[in-house]
Amino acid sequence: MLAERLAAGGSRSEVFTALIEELSGPRQRRRVVVVEDVHWADEATLDTLVFLGRRIERLPALLVLTYRDDEVGTDHPLRTALSALPRTVLRTVPVPPLSRQCVAEQALRAGRSRSTCTS
């Protein structure tokens, strides 16, 4: 239903309704929505995330958003979107950057040169 509404160019209301319907259902079938690099999200995406975030507690679903703290200043639109979400649904999990050694080891495992990662 969601894919159909998107393909048909459905209205915002139709798409939002289809999104909720897609995520609703038996609690035995939990869904996970992952949106990466939300610091680059456009206004429509942020609106969708706020819409969903305000309803997520009532759905058998988990919403996971990733973003880079260092790219989200005080006036960034993502800050406004996050502040619109109920505090009860937010969990912040800071992820420290990988060390140079870790990046070099991962590069070696992927068949890449270690020297390009440590310079």
PDB file of N, CA and C in Angstrom:
ATOM      1  N   MET A   1       0.811  -1.183   0.000  1.00  0.00           N
ATOM      2  CA  MET A   1       0.000   0.000   0.000  1.00  0.00           C
ATOM      3  C   MET A   1       0.867   1.265   0.000  1.00  0.00           C
ATOM      4  N   LEU A   2       1.896   1.301   0.839  1.00  0.00           N
ATOM      5  CA  LEU A   2       2.791   2.461   0.881  1.00  0.00           C
ATOM      6  C   LEU A   2       3.496   2.632  -0.461  1.00  0.00           C
ATOM      7  N   ALA A   3       4.042   1.559  -0.989  1.00  0.00           N
ATOM      8  CA  ALA A   3       4.743   1.642  -2.280  1.00  0.00           C
ATOM      9  C   ALA A   3       3.798   2.132  -3.373  1.00  0.00           C
ATOM     10  N   GLU A   4       2.561   1.656  -3.341  1.00  0.00           N
ATOM     11  CA  GLU A   4       1.578   2.083  -4.342  1.00  0.00           C
ATOM     12  C   GLU A   4       1.286   3.570  -4.232  1.00  0.00           C
ATOM     13  N   ARG A   5       1.110   4.047  -3.004  1.00  0.00           N
ATOM     14  CA  ARG A   5       0.811   5.477  -2.809  1.00  0.00           C
ATOM     15  C   ARG A   5       1.986   6.343  -3.239  1.00  0.00           C
ATOM     16  N   LEU A   6       3.192   5.882  -2.951  1.00  0.00           N
ATOM     17  CA  LEU A   6       4.374   6.635  -3.377  1.00  0.00           C
ATOM     18  C   LEU A   6       4.490   6.656  -4.894  1.00  0.00           C
ATOM     19  N   ALA A   7       4.305   5.491  -5.516  1.00  0.00           N
ATOM     20  CA  ALA A   7       4.412   5.390  -6.976  1.00  0.00           C
ATOM     21  C   ALA A   7       3.346   6.228  -7.673  1.00  0.00           C
ATOM     22  N   ALA A   8       2.174   6.334  -7.048  1.00  0.00           N
ATOM     23  CA  ALA A   8       1.078   7.080  -7.653  1.00  0.00           C
ATOM     24  C   ALA A   8       1.168   8.577  -7.362  1.00  0.00           C
ATOM     25  N   GLY A   9       2.188   8.968  -6.616  1.00  0.00           N
ATOM     26  CA  GLY A   9       2.321  10.387  -6.283  1.00  0.00           C
ATOM     27  C   GLY A   9       1.248  10.838  -5.312  1.00  0.00           C
ATOM     28  N   GLY A  10       0.917   9.966  -4.358  1.00  0.00           N
ATOM     29  CA  GLY A  10      -0.135  10.265  -3.386  1.00  0.00           C
ATOM     30  C   GLY A  10       0.158  11.527  -2.593  1.00  0.00           C
ATOM     31  N   SER A  11      -0.898  12.091  -2.042  1.00  0.00           N
ATOM     32  CA  SER A  11      -0.751  13.288  -1.212  1.00  0.00           C
ATOM     33  C   SER A  11       0.027  12.947   0.049  1.00  0.00           C
ATOM     34  N   ARG A  12       0.476  13.976   0.712  1.00  0.00           N
ATOM     35  CA  ARG A  12       1.216  13.796   1.958  1.00  0.00           C
ATOM     36  C   ARG A  12       0.371  13.004   2.960  1.00  0.00           C
ATOM     37  N   SER A  13      -0.879  13.361   3.077  1.00  0.00           N
ATOM     38  CA  SER A  13      -1.785  12.670   4.002  1.00  0.00           C
ATOM     39  C   SER A  13      -1.931  11.192   3.642  1.00  0.00           C
ATOM     40  N   GLU A  14      -2.069  10.900   2.359  1.00  0.00           N
ATOM     41  CA  GLU A  14      -2.203   9.508   1.913  1.00  0.00           C
ATOM     42  C   GLU A  14      -0.937   8.711   2.199  1.00  0.00           C
ATOM     43  N   VAL A  15       0.199   9.316   1.953  1.00  0.00           N
ATOM     44  CA  VAL A  15       1.476   8.630   2.185  1.00  0.00           C
ATOM     45  C   VAL A  15       1.682   8.393   3.675  1.00  0.00           C
ATOM     46  N   PHE A  16       1.399   9.397   4.506  1.00  0.00           N
ATOM     47  CA  PHE A  16       1.558   9.238   5.950  1.00  0.00           C
ATOM     48  C   PHE A  16       0.629   8.150   6.479  1.00  0.00           C
ATOM     49  N   THR A  17      -0.606   8.128   6.001  1.00  0.00           N
ATOM     50  CA  THR A  17      -1.557   7.100   6.423  1.00  0.00           C
ATOM     51  C   THR A  17      -1.063   5.717   6.012  1.00  0.00           C
ATOM     52  N   ALA A  18      -0.559   5.600   4.795  1.00  0.00           N
ATOM     53  CA  ALA A  18      -0.038   4.316   4.315  1.00  0.00           C
ATOM     54  C   ALA A  18       1.185   3.885   5.123  1.00  0.00           C
ATOM     55  N   LEU A  19       2.012   4.829   5.512  1.00  0.00           N
ATOM     56  CA  LEU A  19       3.181   4.513   6.332  1.00  0.00           C
ATOM     57  C   LEU A  19       2.752   3.923   7.677  1.00  0.00           C
ATOM     58  N   ILE A  20       1.786   4.544   8.320  1.00  0.00           N
ATOM     59  CA  ILE A  20       1.290   4.027   9.601  1.00  0.00           C
ATOM     60  C   ILE A  20       0.673   2.647   9.408  1.00  0.00           C
ATOM     61  N   GLU A  21      -0.092   2.465   8.338  1.00  0.00           N
ATOM     62  CA  GLU A  21      -0.696   1.161   8.064  1.00  0.00           C
ATOM     63  C   GLU A  21       0.373   0.100   7.842  1.00  0.00           C
ATOM     64  N   GLU A  22       1.428   0.479   7.143  1.00  0.00           N
ATOM     65  CA  GLU A  22       2.527  -0.454   6.869  1.00  0.00           C
ATOM     66  C   GLU A  22       3.209  -0.905   8.153  1.00  0.00           C
ATOM     67  N   LEU A  23       3.340   0.018   9.095  1.00  0.00           N
ATOM     68  CA  LEU A  23       4.043  -0.283  10.345  1.00  0.00           C
ATOM     69  C   LEU A  23       3.131  -0.878  11.417  1.00  0.00           C
ATOM     70  N   SER A  24       1.847  -0.816  11.204  1.00  0.00           N
ATOM     71  CA  SER A  24       0.880  -1.383  12.152  1.00  0.00           C
ATOM     72  C   SER A  24       0.749  -2.876  11.890  1.00  0.00           C
ATOM     73  N   GLY A  25       0.077  -3.513  12.783  1.00  0.00           N
ATOM     74  CA  GLY A  25      -0.135  -4.941  12.585  1.00  0.00           C
ATOM     75  C   GLY A  25       0.182  -5.713  13.837  1.00  0.00           C
ATOM     76  N   PRO A  26       0.259  -7.018  13.701  1.00  0.00           N
ATOM     77  CA  PRO A  26       0.504  -7.858  14.877  1.00  0.00           C
ATOM     78  C   PRO A  26       1.829  -7.513  15.557  1.00  0.00           C
ATOM     79  N   ARG A  27       1.793  -7.470  16.865  1.00  0.00           N
ATOM     80  CA  ARG A  27       3.015  -7.149  17.617  1.00  0.00           C
ATOM     81  C   ARG A  27       4.089  -8.229  17.440  1.00  0.00           C
ATOM     82  N   GLN A  28       3.696  -9.401  16.989  1.00  0.00           N
ATOM     83  CA  GLN A  28       4.669 -10.464  16.751  1.00  0.00           C
ATOM     84  C   GLN A  28       5.571 -10.120  15.563  1.00  0.00           C
ATOM     85  N   ARG A  29       5.124  -9.229  14.704  1.00  0.00           N
ATOM     86  CA  ARG A  29       5.915  -8.833  13.527  1.00  0.00           C
ATOM     87  C   ARG A  29       6.380  -7.400  13.702  1.00  0.00           C
ATOM     88  N   ARG A  30       7.369  -7.212  14.488  1.00  0.00           N
ATOM     89  CA  ARG A  30       7.902  -5.859  14.705  1.00  0.00           C
ATOM     90  C   ARG A  30       8.682  -5.416  13.478  1.00  0.00           C
ATOM     91  N   ARG A  31       8.600  -4.140  13.222  1.00  0.00           N
ATOM     92  CA  ARG A  31       9.292  -3.565  12.075  1.00  0.00           C
ATOM     93  C   ARG A  31      10.359  -2.593  12.564  1.00  0.00           C
ATOM     94  N   VAL A  32      11.375  -2.421  11.771  1.00  0.00           N
ATOM     95  CA  VAL A  32      12.437  -1.472  12.075  1.00  0.00           C
ATOM     96  C   VAL A  32      12.598  -0.556  10.875  1.00  0.00           C
ATOM     97  N   VAL A  33      12.544   0.741  11.140  1.00  0.00           N
ATOM     98  CA  VAL A  33      12.766   1.751  10.107  1.00  0.00           C
ATOM     99  C   VAL A  33      14.098   2.404  10.428  1.00  0.00           C
ATOM    100  N   VAL A  34      15.048   2.312   9.507  1.00  0.00           N
ATOM    101  CA  VAL A  34      16.371   2.894   9.704  1.00  0.00           C
ATOM    102  C   VAL A  34      16.572   3.987   8.661  1.00  0.00           C
ATOM    103  N   VAL A  35      16.898   5.179   9.146  1.00  0.00           N
ATOM    104  CA  VAL A  35      17.191   6.296   8.251  1.00  0.00           C
ATOM    105  C   VAL A  35      18.586   6.783   8.626  1.00  0.00           C
ATOM    106  N   GLU A  36      19.509   6.596   7.711  1.00  0.00           N
ATOM    107  CA  GLU A  36      20.898   6.981   7.973  1.00  0.00           C
ATOM    108  C   GLU A  36      21.185   8.385   7.453  1.00  0.00           C
ATOM    109  N   ASP A  37      22.187   9.008   8.055  1.00  0.00           N
ATOM    110  CA  ASP A  37      22.652  10.330   7.649  1.00  0.00           C
ATOM    111  C   ASP A  37      21.521  11.362   7.621  1.00  0.00           C
ATOM    112  N   VAL A  38      20.732  11.390   8.695  1.00  0.00           N
ATOM    113  CA  VAL A  38      19.590  12.297   8.766  1.00  0.00           C
ATOM    114  C   VAL A  38      20.036  13.762   8.771  1.00  0.00           C
ATOM    115  N   HIS A  39      21.300  14.016   9.050  1.00  0.00           N
ATOM    116  CA  HIS A  39      21.796  15.401   9.000  1.00  0.00           C
ATOM    117  C   HIS A  39      21.725  15.958   7.578  1.00  0.00           C
ATOM    118  N   TRP A  40      21.537  15.099   6.579  1.00  0.00           N
ATOM    119  CA  TRP A  40      21.400  15.546   5.190  1.00  0.00           C
ATOM    120  C   TRP A  40      19.942  15.529   4.724  1.00  0.00           C
ATOM    121  N   ALA A  41      19.012  15.198   5.605  1.00  0.00           N
ATOM    122  CA  ALA A  41      17.606  15.047   5.219  1.00  0.00           C
ATOM    123  C   ALA A  41      16.999  16.381   4.779  1.00  0.00           C
ATOM    124  N   ASP A  42      16.108  16.276   3.803  1.00  0.00           N
ATOM    125  CA  ASP A  42      15.387  17.464   3.360  1.00  0.00           C
ATOM    126  C   ASP A  42      14.175  17.697   4.262  1.00  0.00           C
ATOM    127  N   GLU A  43      13.479  18.793   4.025  1.00  0.00           N
ATOM    128  CA  GLU A  43      12.348  19.178   4.873  1.00  0.00           C
ATOM    129  C   GLU A  43      11.246  18.118   4.873  1.00  0.00           C
ATOM    130  N   ALA A  44      10.953  17.546   3.714  1.00  0.00           N
ATOM    131  CA  ALA A  44       9.900  16.527   3.629  1.00  0.00           C
ATOM    132  C   ALA A  44      10.263  15.290   4.451  1.00  0.00           C
ATOM    133  N   THR A  45      11.500  14.891   4.409  1.00  0.00           N
ATOM    134  CA  THR A  45      11.943  13.732   5.185  1.00  0.00           C
ATOM    135  C   THR A  45      11.852  14.022   6.677  1.00  0.00           C
ATOM    136  N   LEU A  46      12.292  15.208   7.086  1.00  0.00           N
ATOM    137  CA  LEU A  46      12.208  15.568   8.502  1.00  0.00           C
ATOM    138  C   LEU A  46      10.756  15.616   8.968  1.00  0.00           C
ATOM    139  N   ASP A  47       9.864  16.135   8.126  1.00  0.00           N
ATOM    140  CA  ASP A  47       8.437  16.149   8.471  1.00  0.00           C
ATOM    141  C   ASP A  47       7.919  14.728   8.678  1.00  0.00           C
ATOM    142  N   THR A  48       8.336  13.823   7.807  1.00  0.00           N
ATOM    143  CA  THR A  48       7.913  12.427   7.913  1.00  0.00           C
ATOM    144  C   THR A  48       8.441  11.799   9.200  1.00  0.00           C
ATOM    145  N   LEU A  49       9.680  12.087   9.540  1.00  0.00           N
ATOM    146  CA  LEU A  49      10.269  11.528  10.758  1.00  0.00           C
ATOM    147  C   LEU A  49       9.579  12.062  12.010  1.00  0.00           C
ATOM    148  N   VAL A  50       9.215  13.344  12.008  1.00  0.00           N
ATOM    149  CA  VAL A  50       8.494  13.914  13.146  1.00  0.00           C
ATOM    150  C   VAL A  50       7.108  13.272  13.245  1.00  0.00           C
ATOM    151  N   PHE A  51       6.427  13.149  12.112  1.00  0.00           N
ATOM    152  CA  PHE A  51       5.117  12.499  12.092  1.00  0.00           C
ATOM    153  C   PHE A  51       5.207  11.098  12.677  1.00  0.00           C
ATOM    154  N   LEU A  52       6.162  10.331  12.197  1.00  0.00           N
ATOM    155  CA  LEU A  52       6.323   8.953  12.660  1.00  0.00           C
ATOM    156  C   LEU A  52       6.790   8.908  14.113  1.00  0.00           C
ATOM    157  N   GLY A  53       7.730   9.749  14.466  1.00  0.00           N
ATOM    158  CA  GLY A  53       8.266   9.766  15.827  1.00  0.00           C
ATOM    159  C   GLY A  53       7.216  10.069  16.882  1.00  0.00           C
ATOM    160  N   ARG A  54       6.243  10.903  16.532  1.00  0.00           N
ATOM    161  CA  ARG A  54       5.172  11.236  17.472  1.00  0.00           C
ATOM    162  C   ARG A  54       4.183  10.088  17.657  1.00  0.00           C
ATOM    163  N   ARG A  55       4.227   9.094  16.780  1.00  0.00           N
ATOM    164  CA  ARG A  55       3.295   7.969  16.840  1.00  0.00           C
ATOM    165  C   ARG A  55       3.983   6.629  17.134  1.00  0.00           C
ATOM    166  N   ILE A  56       5.287   6.622  17.194  1.00  0.00           N
ATOM    167  CA  ILE A  56       6.046   5.376  17.240  1.00  0.00           C
ATOM    168  C   ILE A  56       5.733   4.542  18.482  1.00  0.00           C
ATOM    169  N   GLU A  57       5.403   5.174  19.594  1.00  0.00           N
ATOM    170  CA  GLU A  57       5.088   4.414  20.817  1.00  0.00           C
ATOM    171  C   GLU A  57       3.862   3.529  20.653  1.00  0.00           C
ATOM    172  N   ARG A  58       2.972   3.904  19.761  1.00  0.00           N
ATOM    173  CA  ARG A  58       1.738   3.140  19.566  1.00  0.00           C
ATOM    174  C   ARG A  58       1.867   2.082  18.476  1.00  0.00           C
ATOM    175  N   LEU A  59       3.033   1.969  17.899  1.00  0.00           N
ATOM    176  CA  LEU A  59       3.251   1.033  16.796  1.00  0.00           C
ATOM    177  C   LEU A  59       4.203  -0.085  17.219  1.00  0.00           C
ATOM    178  N   PRO A  60       4.045  -1.263  16.630  1.00  0.00           N
ATOM    179  CA  PRO A  60       5.011  -2.339  16.891  1.00  0.00           C
ATOM    180  C   PRO A  60       6.234  -2.140  15.993  1.00  0.00           C
ATOM    181  N   ALA A  61       6.901  -1.006  16.197  1.00  0.00           N
ATOM    182  CA  ALA A  61       8.005  -0.634  15.306  1.00  0.00           C
ATOM    183  C   ALA A  61       9.071   0.117  16.084  1.00  0.00           C
ATOM    184  N   LEU A  62      10.245   0.123  15.515  1.00  0.00           N
ATOM    185  CA  LEU A  62      11.385   0.858  16.056  1.00  0.00           C
ATOM    186  C   LEU A  62      11.887   1.794  14.970  1.00  0.00           C
ATOM    187  N   LEU A  63      12.138   3.031  15.330  1.00  0.00           N
ATOM    188  CA  LEU A  63      12.677   4.024  14.408  1.00  0.00           C
ATOM    189  C   LEU A  63      14.101   4.330  14.829  1.00  0.00           C
ATOM    190  N   VAL A  64      15.055   4.093  13.929  1.00  0.00           N
ATOM    191  CA  VAL A  64      16.472   4.337  14.203  1.00  0.00           C
ATOM    192  C   VAL A  64      16.960   5.409  13.243  1.00  0.00           C
ATOM    193  N   LEU A  65      17.500   6.479  13.802  1.00  0.00           N
ATOM    194  CA  LEU A  65      18.037   7.576  13.001  1.00  0.00           C
ATOM    195  C   LEU A  65      19.518   7.715  13.302  1.00  0.00           C
ATOM    196  N   THR A  66      20.317   7.875  12.270  1.00  0.00           N
ATOM    197  CA  THR A  66      21.744   8.127  12.486  1.00  0.00           C
ATOM    198  C   THR A  66      22.078   9.491  11.909  1.00  0.00           C
ATOM    199  N   TYR A  67      22.972  10.183  12.603  1.00  0.00           N
ATOM    200  CA  TYR A  67      23.448  11.479  12.100  1.00  0.00           C
ATOM    201  C   TYR A  67      24.775  11.803  12.751  1.00  0.00           C
ATOM    202  N   ARG A  68      25.484  12.714  12.128  1.00  0.00           N
ATOM    203  CA  ARG A  68      26.786  13.141  12.644  1.00  0.00           C
ATOM    204  C   ARG A  68      26.592  14.385  13.501  1.00  0.00           C
ATOM    205  N   ASP A  69      26.900  14.258  14.776  1.00  0.00           N
ATOM    206  CA  ASP A  69      26.785  15.398  15.696  1.00  0.00           C
ATOM    207  C   ASP A  69      27.556  16.613  15.205  1.00  0.00           C
ATOM    208  N   ASP A  70      28.731  16.359  14.650  1.00  0.00           N
ATOM    209  CA  ASP A  70      29.583  17.470  14.244  1.00  0.00           C
ATOM    210  C   ASP A  70      29.062  18.205  13.007  1.00  0.00           C
ATOM    211  N   GLU A  71      27.988  17.701  12.386  1.00  0.00           N
ATOM    212  CA  GLU A  71      27.402  18.386  11.235  1.00  0.00           C
ATOM    213  C   GLU A  71      26.049  19.013  11.566  1.00  0.00           C
ATOM    214  N   VAL A  72      25.665  18.959  12.841  1.00  0.00           N
ATOM    215  CA  VAL A  72      24.358  19.467  13.254  1.00  0.00           C
ATOM    216  C   VAL A  72      24.573  20.600  14.248  1.00  0.00           C
ATOM    217  N   GLY A  73      24.669  21.821  13.723  1.00  0.00           N
ATOM    218  CA  GLY A  73      24.833  22.997  14.576  1.00  0.00           C
ATOM    219  C   GLY A  73      23.531  23.360  15.270  1.00  0.00           C
ATOM    220  N   THR A  74      23.565  24.400  16.075  1.00  0.00           N
ATOM    221  CA  THR A  74      22.394  24.799  16.855  1.00  0.00           C
ATOM    222  C   THR A  74      21.216  25.234  15.988  1.00  0.00           C
ATOM    223  N   ASP A  75      21.478  25.725  14.789  1.00  0.00           N
ATOM    224  CA  ASP A  75      20.394  26.183  13.918  1.00  0.00           C
ATOM    225  C   ASP A  75      20.042  25.169  12.820  1.00  0.00           C
ATOM    226  N   HIS A  76      20.573  23.968  12.918  1.00  0.00           N
ATOM    227  CA  HIS A  76      20.298  22.935  11.904  1.00  0.00           C
ATOM    228  C   HIS A  76      18.845  22.469  12.014  1.00  0.00           C
ATOM    229  N   PRO A  77      18.149  22.260  10.889  1.00  0.00           N
ATOM    230  CA  PRO A  77      16.750  21.816  10.923  1.00  0.00           C
ATOM    231  C   PRO A  77      16.528  20.492  11.658  1.00  0.00           C
ATOM    232  N   LEU A  78      17.534  19.646  11.710  1.00  0.00           N
ATOM    233  CA  LEU A  78      17.386  18.380  12.426  1.00  0.00           C
ATOM    234  C   LEU A  78      17.163  18.621  13.915  1.00  0.00           C
ATOM    235  N   ARG A  79      17.807  19.631  14.474  1.00  0.00           N
ATOM    236  CA  ARG A  79      17.615  19.948  15.896  1.00  0.00           C
ATOM    237  C   ARG A  79      16.140  20.273  16.174  1.00  0.00           C
ATOM    238  N   THR A  80      15.528  21.037  15.283  1.00  0.00           N
ATOM    239  CA  THR A  80      14.106  21.373  15.443  1.00  0.00           C
ATOM    240  C   THR A  80      13.253  20.115  15.368  1.00  0.00           C
ATOM    241  N   ALA A  81      13.551  19.239  14.407  1.00  0.00           N
ATOM    242  CA  ALA A  81      12.789  18.000  14.251  1.00  0.00           C
ATOM    243  C   ALA A  81      12.921  17.120  15.488  1.00  0.00           C
ATOM    244  N   LEU A  82      14.131  16.959  15.997  1.00  0.00           N
ATOM    245  CA  LEU A  82      14.339  16.121  17.182  1.00  0.00           C
ATOM    246  C   LEU A  82      13.651  16.710  18.410  1.00  0.00           C
ATOM    247  N   SER A  83      13.648  18.025  18.512  1.00  0.00           N
ATOM    248  CA  SER A  83      13.008  18.653  19.674  1.00  0.00           C
ATOM    249  C   SER A  83      11.487  18.515  19.619  1.00  0.00           C
ATOM    250  N   ALA A  84      10.929  18.202  18.453  1.00  0.00           N
ATOM    251  CA  ALA A  84       9.483  18.016  18.312  1.00  0.00           C
ATOM    252  C   ALA A  84       9.035  16.622  18.734  1.00  0.00           C
ATOM    253  N   LEU A  85       9.987  15.731  18.994  1.00  0.00           N
ATOM    254  CA  LEU A  85       9.640  14.362  19.371  1.00  0.00           C
ATOM    255  C   LEU A  85       9.469  14.256  20.888  1.00  0.00           C
ATOM    256  N   PRO A  86       8.542  13.413  21.329  1.00  0.00           N
ATOM    257  CA  PRO A  86       8.372  13.216  22.769  1.00  0.00           C
ATOM    258  C   PRO A  86       9.645  12.640  23.395  1.00  0.00           C
ATOM    259  N   ARG A  87      10.046  13.165  24.516  1.00  0.00           N
ATOM    260  CA  ARG A  87      11.266  12.701  25.202  1.00  0.00           C
ATOM    261  C   ARG A  87      11.192  11.213  25.533  1.00  0.00           C
ATOM    262  N   THR A  88       9.998  10.689  25.692  1.00  0.00           N
ATOM    263  CA  THR A  88       9.850   9.276  26.068  1.00  0.00           C
ATOM    264  C   THR A  88      10.244   8.328  24.948  1.00  0.00           C
ATOM    265  N   VAL A  89      10.345   8.816  23.722  1.00  0.00           N
ATOM    266  CA  VAL A  89      10.689   7.930  22.602  1.00  0.00           C
ATOM    267  C   VAL A  89      12.138   8.073  22.173  1.00  0.00           C
ATOM    268  N   LEU A  90      12.854   9.000  22.757  1.00  0.00           N
ATOM    269  CA  LEU A  90      14.232   9.248  22.325  1.00  0.00           C
ATOM    270  C   LEU A  90      15.251   8.519  23.183  1.00  0.00           C
ATOM    271  N   ARG A  91      16.189   7.903  22.531  1.00  0.00           N
ATOM    272  CA  ARG A  91      17.364   7.321  23.180  1.00  0.00           C
ATOM    273  C   ARG A  91      18.555   7.735  22.327  1.00  0.00           C
ATOM    274  N   THR A  92      19.503   8.389  22.935  1.00  0.00           N
ATOM    275  CA  THR A  92      20.694   8.819  22.214  1.00  0.00           C
ATOM    276  C   THR A  92      21.825   7.857  22.528  1.00  0.00           C
ATOM    277  N   VAL A  93      22.457   7.376  21.479  1.00  0.00           N
ATOM    278  CA  VAL A  93      23.576   6.451  21.644  1.00  0.00           C
ATOM    279  C   VAL A  93      24.782   7.065  20.933  1.00  0.00           C
ATOM    280  N   PRO A  94      25.618   7.779  21.671  1.00  0.00           N
ATOM    281  CA  PRO A  94      26.798   8.373  21.042  1.00  0.00           C
ATOM    282  C   PRO A  94      27.767   7.279  20.573  1.00  0.00           C
ATOM    283  N   VAL A  95      28.265   7.434  19.388  1.00  0.00           N
ATOM    284  CA  VAL A  95      29.220   6.470  18.834  1.00  0.00           C
ATOM    285  C   VAL A  95      30.518   7.225  18.556  1.00  0.00           C
ATOM    286  N   PRO A  96      31.558   6.912  19.299  1.00  0.00           N
ATOM    287  CA  PRO A  96      32.836   7.617  19.084  1.00  0.00           C
ATOM    288  C   PRO A  96      33.441   7.223  17.737  1.00  0.00           C
ATOM    289  N   PRO A  97      34.261   8.107  17.179  1.00  0.00           N
ATOM    290  CA  PRO A  97      34.900   7.773  15.905  1.00  0.00           C
ATOM    291  C   PRO A  97      35.855   6.584  16.072  1.00  0.00           C
ATOM    292  N   LEU A  98      36.054   5.865  14.987  1.00  0.00           N
ATOM    293  CA  LEU A  98      36.995   4.749  15.000  1.00  0.00           C
ATOM    294  C   LEU A  98      38.421   5.277  15.087  1.00  0.00           C
ATOM    295  N   SER A  99      39.260   4.525  15.755  1.00  0.00           N
ATOM    296  CA  SER A  99      40.670   4.907  15.824  1.00  0.00           C
ATOM    297  C   SER A  99      41.326   4.647  14.468  1.00  0.00           C
ATOM    298  N   ARG A 100      42.452   5.292  14.234  1.00  0.00           N
ATOM    299  CA  ARG A 100      43.196   5.055  12.984  1.00  0.00           C
ATOM    300  C   ARG A 100      43.581   3.586  12.856  1.00  0.00           C
ATOM    301  N   GLN A 101      43.966   2.987  13.970  1.00  0.00           N
ATOM    302  CA  GLN A 101      44.357   1.574  13.942  1.00  0.00           C
ATOM    303  C   GLN A 101      43.175   0.699  13.539  1.00  0.00           C
ATOM    304  N   CYS A 102      42.011   0.970  14.080  1.00  0.00           N
ATOM    305  CA  CYS A 102      40.830   0.188  13.743  1.00  0.00           C
ATOM    306  C   CYS A 102      40.486   0.338  12.257  1.00  0.00           C
ATOM    307  N   VAL A 103      40.553   1.564  11.756  1.00  0.00           N
ATOM    308  CA  VAL A 103      40.261   1.800  10.336  1.00  0.00           C
ATOM    309  C   VAL A 103      41.265   1.052   9.461  1.00  0.00           C
ATOM    310  N   ALA A 104      42.532   1.091   9.857  1.00  0.00           N
ATOM    311  CA  ALA A 104      43.569   0.394   9.092  1.00  0.00           C
ATOM    312  C   ALA A 104      43.328  -1.117   9.093  1.00  0.00           C
ATOM    313  N   GLU A 105      42.942  -1.668  10.245  1.00  0.00           N
ATOM    314  CA  GLU A 105      42.661  -3.105  10.325  1.00  0.00           C
ATOM    315  C   GLU A 105      41.464  -3.479   9.454  1.00  0.00           C
ATOM    316  N   GLN A 106      40.426  -2.669   9.482  1.00  0.00           N
ATOM    317  CA  GLN A 106      39.241  -2.929   8.653  1.00  0.00           C
ATOM    318  C   GLN A 106      39.591  -2.825   7.171  1.00  0.00           C
ATOM    319  N   ALA A 107      40.463  -1.882   6.831  1.00  0.00           N
ATOM    320  CA  ALA A 107      40.894  -1.736   5.442  1.00  0.00           C
ATOM    321  C   ALA A 107      41.645  -2.980   4.976  1.00  0.00           C
ATOM    322  N   LEU A 108      42.520  -3.494   5.830  1.00  0.00           N
ATOM    323  CA  LEU A 108      43.257  -4.703   5.481  1.00  0.00           C
ATOM    324  C   LEU A 108      42.310  -5.883   5.266  1.00  0.00           C
ATOM    325  N   ARG A 109      41.326  -6.014   6.147  1.00  0.00           N
ATOM    326  CA  ARG A 109      40.343  -7.094   5.999  1.00  0.00           C
ATOM    327  C   ARG A 109      39.567  -6.984   4.693  1.00  0.00           C
ATOM    328  N   ALA A 110      39.386  -5.751   4.233  1.00  0.00           N
ATOM    329  CA  ALA A 110      38.651  -5.520   2.987  1.00  0.00           C
ATOM    330  C   ALA A 110      39.571  -5.547   1.766  1.00  0.00           C
ATOM    331  N   GLY A 111      40.861  -5.868   1.993  1.00  0.00           N
ATOM    332  CA  GLY A 111      41.799  -5.954   0.885  1.00  0.00           C
ATOM    333  C   GLY A 111      42.329  -4.607   0.426  1.00  0.00           C
ATOM    334  N   ARG A 112      42.250  -3.625   1.281  1.00  0.00           N
ATOM    335  CA  ARG A 112      42.744  -2.270   0.959  1.00  0.00           C
ATOM    336  C   ARG A 112      44.106  -2.055   1.589  1.00  0.00           C
ATOM    337  N   SER A 113      44.792  -1.048   1.116  1.00  0.00           N
ATOM    338  CA  SER A 113      46.102  -0.713   1.646  1.00  0.00           C
ATOM    339  C   SER A 113      45.972  -0.030   3.004  1.00  0.00           C
ATOM    340  N   ARG A 114      46.747  -0.501   3.953  1.00  0.00           N
ATOM    341  CA  ARG A 114      46.768   0.101   5.284  1.00  0.00           C
ATOM    342  C   ARG A 114      47.306   1.524   5.233  1.00  0.00           C
ATOM    343  N   SER A 115      48.239   1.795   4.329  1.00  0.00           N
ATOM    344  CA  SER A 115      48.889   3.107   4.284  1.00  0.00           C
ATOM    345  C   SER A 115      47.924   4.219   3.921  1.00  0.00           C
ATOM    346  N   THR A 116      46.871   3.927   3.146  1.00  0.00           N
ATOM    347  CA  THR A 116      45.921   4.978   2.776  1.00  0.00           C
ATOM    348  C   THR A 116      45.030   5.370   3.942  1.00  0.00           C
ATOM    349  N   CYS A 117      44.995   4.564   4.987  1.00  0.00           N
ATOM    350  CA  CYS A 117      44.112   4.838   6.120  1.00  0.00           C
ATOM    351  C   CYS A 117      44.827   5.549   7.250  1.00  0.00           C
ATOM    352  N   THR A 118      46.115   5.502   7.278  1.00  0.00           N
ATOM    353  CA  THR A 118      46.843   6.057   8.427  1.00  0.00           C
ATOM    354  C   THR A 118      47.563   7.346   8.087  1.00  0.00           C
ATOM    355  N   SER A 119      47.444   7.815   6.876  1.00  0.00           N
ATOM    356  CA  SER A 119      48.158   9.051   6.526  1.00  0.00           C
ATOM    357  C   SER A 119      47.317  10.264   6.824  1.00  0.00           C
TER     358      SER A 119
END
